[in-house]
Amino acid sequence: AAQATAQTMLSAQPRQAAARQLMGLVKLKRGDLAGALMEFDRALALDPDFIAAREERAVTLARLGQARRARVDLDALKTREAACAKACPPELRPAVSRVEAALAAARPSGLLKNAAATDIAPDRAEGAL
């Protein structure tokens, strides 16, 4: 249903950022991280202030191991949060928190915890980093 909605939106208004973001979510659900990232990039090209698209792109980048690029989006969200003070959109603070959590989960220490959970010897796990 979401894919059909996104396709309909894109057909009617191909330059609508919300449709690109929705298509990105559909691709994420399918496990297509690269395709989702491309849609979030397109959404932000159309609307650089689109909080949900920036949040999803940052989380996707973190999942792809591109922490540096994810931090650029996190910094943009934090800058916006600082600028709006008490009049921020309600979705902004949760977006910042979610991106911070995604980056924390993608840290090498998180990878070592995952390696230990899968019975990889710690010295081999450290060498893989």
Protein backbone atom coordinates (compact mmCIF):
# COMPACT_ATOMS: atom_id res chain seq x y z
CA ALA A 1 0.00 0.00 0.00
CA ALA A 2 2.80 2.43 0.88
CA GLN A 3 4.60 1.73 -2.37
CA ALA A 4 1.42 2.33 -4.38
CA THR A 5 0.84 5.58 -2.50
CA ALA A 6 4.40 6.72 -3.12
CA GLN A 7 4.19 5.79 -6.83
CA THR A 8 0.90 7.69 -7.16
CA MET A 9 2.39 10.71 -5.43
CA LEU A 10 5.51 10.59 -7.62
CA SER A 11 3.45 10.24 -10.79
CA ALA A 12 1.33 13.26 -9.89
CA GLN A 13 4.16 15.40 -8.52
CA PRO A 14 7.61 13.99 -9.26
CA ARG A 15 9.28 16.86 -7.43
CA GLN A 16 7.46 16.30 -4.15
CA ALA A 17 9.93 15.63 -1.32
CA ALA A 18 7.37 13.73 0.77
CA ALA A 19 6.83 11.23 -2.04
CA ARG A 20 10.59 10.64 -2.31
CA GLN A 21 10.86 10.17 1.44
CA LEU A 22 7.94 7.71 1.43
CA MET A 23 9.56 5.75 -1.40
CA GLY A 24 12.75 5.69 0.65
CA LEU A 25 10.84 4.17 3.57
CA VAL A 26 9.37 1.53 1.25
CA LYS A 27 12.87 0.64 0.05
CA LEU A 28 14.13 0.49 3.64
CA LYS A 29 11.34 -1.92 4.54
CA ARG A 30 12.51 -4.16 1.67
CA GLY A 31 16.10 -4.01 2.92
CA ASP A 32 17.30 -1.89 -0.02
CA LEU A 33 19.49 0.53 1.95
CA ALA A 34 21.25 1.95 -1.13
CA GLY A 35 17.93 2.57 -2.89
CA ALA A 36 16.48 4.16 0.24
CA LEU A 37 19.51 6.41 0.58
CA MET A 38 19.07 7.57 -3.00
CA GLU A 39 15.42 8.49 -2.32
CA PHE A 40 16.31 10.37 0.87
CA ASP A 41 19.01 12.24 -1.07
CA ARG A 42 16.42 13.20 -3.68
CA ALA A 43 13.95 14.32 -1.01
CA LEU A 44 16.57 16.56 0.58
CA ALA A 45 17.60 17.97 -2.78
CA LEU A 46 13.99 19.08 -3.18
CA ASP A 47 13.56 20.26 0.42
CA PRO A 48 16.77 20.63 2.48
CA ASP A 49 14.72 21.42 5.62
CA PHE A 50 12.72 18.16 5.50
CA ILE A 51 13.40 16.78 8.99
CA ALA A 52 12.07 13.26 8.41
CA ALA A 53 14.12 12.77 5.25
CA ARG A 54 17.29 14.05 6.94
CA GLU A 55 16.66 11.78 9.92
CA GLU A 56 16.09 8.71 7.74
CA ARG A 57 19.12 9.49 5.59
CA ALA A 58 21.34 9.84 8.66
CA VAL A 59 20.10 6.59 10.19
CA THR A 60 20.52 4.80 6.85
CA LEU A 61 24.05 6.18 6.48
CA ALA A 62 24.90 4.96 9.98
CA ARG A 63 23.57 1.51 9.12
CA LEU A 64 25.73 1.53 5.99
CA GLY A 65 28.81 2.37 8.05
CA GLN A 66 29.05 5.93 6.72
CA ALA A 67 29.23 7.60 10.13
CA ARG A 68 30.97 10.74 8.88
CA ARG A 69 28.15 11.51 6.45
CA ALA A 70 25.56 10.64 9.09
CA ARG A 71 27.18 13.11 11.48
CA VAL A 72 26.84 15.87 8.87
CA ASP A 73 23.08 15.29 8.91
CA LEU A 74 23.06 15.10 12.72
CA ASP A 75 24.92 18.42 12.87
CA ALA A 76 22.35 19.97 10.51
CA LEU A 77 19.51 18.74 12.74
CA LYS A 78 21.25 20.06 15.87
CA THR A 79 21.94 23.43 14.24
CA ARG A 80 18.29 23.72 13.35
CA GLU A 81 17.31 22.71 16.88
CA ALA A 82 19.58 25.37 18.38
CA ALA A 83 18.20 28.03 16.04
CA CYS A 84 14.55 27.41 16.80
CA ALA A 85 14.93 27.11 20.61
CA LYS A 86 11.46 26.56 22.09
CA ALA A 87 9.57 26.92 18.80
CA CYS A 88 11.02 23.79 17.16
CA PRO A 89 8.87 21.41 15.13
CA PRO A 90 7.80 18.58 17.45
CA GLU A 91 9.55 15.94 15.35
CA LEU A 92 12.97 17.61 15.58
CA ARG A 93 14.10 16.48 19.06
CA PRO A 94 13.11 12.82 18.49
CA ALA A 95 14.92 12.92 15.12
CA VAL A 96 18.14 14.11 16.79
CA SER A 97 17.84 11.40 19.45
CA ARG A 98 17.23 8.65 16.90
CA VAL A 99 20.24 9.67 14.78
CA GLU A 100 22.45 9.83 17.88
CA ALA A 101 21.31 6.32 18.84
CA ALA A 102 21.97 5.00 15.32
CA LEU A 103 25.49 6.45 15.36
CA ALA A 104 26.16 5.02 18.82
CA ALA A 105 25.03 1.58 17.62
CA ALA A 106 27.36 1.84 14.62
CA ARG A 107 30.48 2.62 16.70
CA PRO A 108 33.32 0.08 16.68
CA SER A 109 32.61 -0.77 20.34
CA GLY A 110 29.12 -1.79 19.24
CA LEU A 111 30.70 -3.95 16.56
CA LEU A 112 32.87 -5.66 19.16
CA LYS A 113 29.80 -6.41 21.28
CA ASN A 114 28.15 -7.92 18.22
CA ALA A 115 31.29 -9.95 17.49
CA ALA A 116 31.29 -11.33 21.03
CA ALA A 117 27.64 -12.25 20.69
CA THR A 118 28.42 -14.31 17.61
CA ASP A 119 31.33 -16.17 19.22
CA ILE A 120 34.10 -14.51 17.21
CA ALA A 121 37.32 -14.40 19.18
CA PRO A 122 37.94 -10.85 20.45
CA ASP A 123 41.42 -10.66 18.88
CA ARG A 124 39.92 -11.55 15.47
CA ALA A 125 37.10 -9.04 15.97
CA GLU A 126 39.59 -6.26 16.74
CA GLY A 127 41.61 -7.15 13.65
CA ALA A 128 38.48 -6.85 11.54
CA LEU A 129 38.09 -3.23 12.59
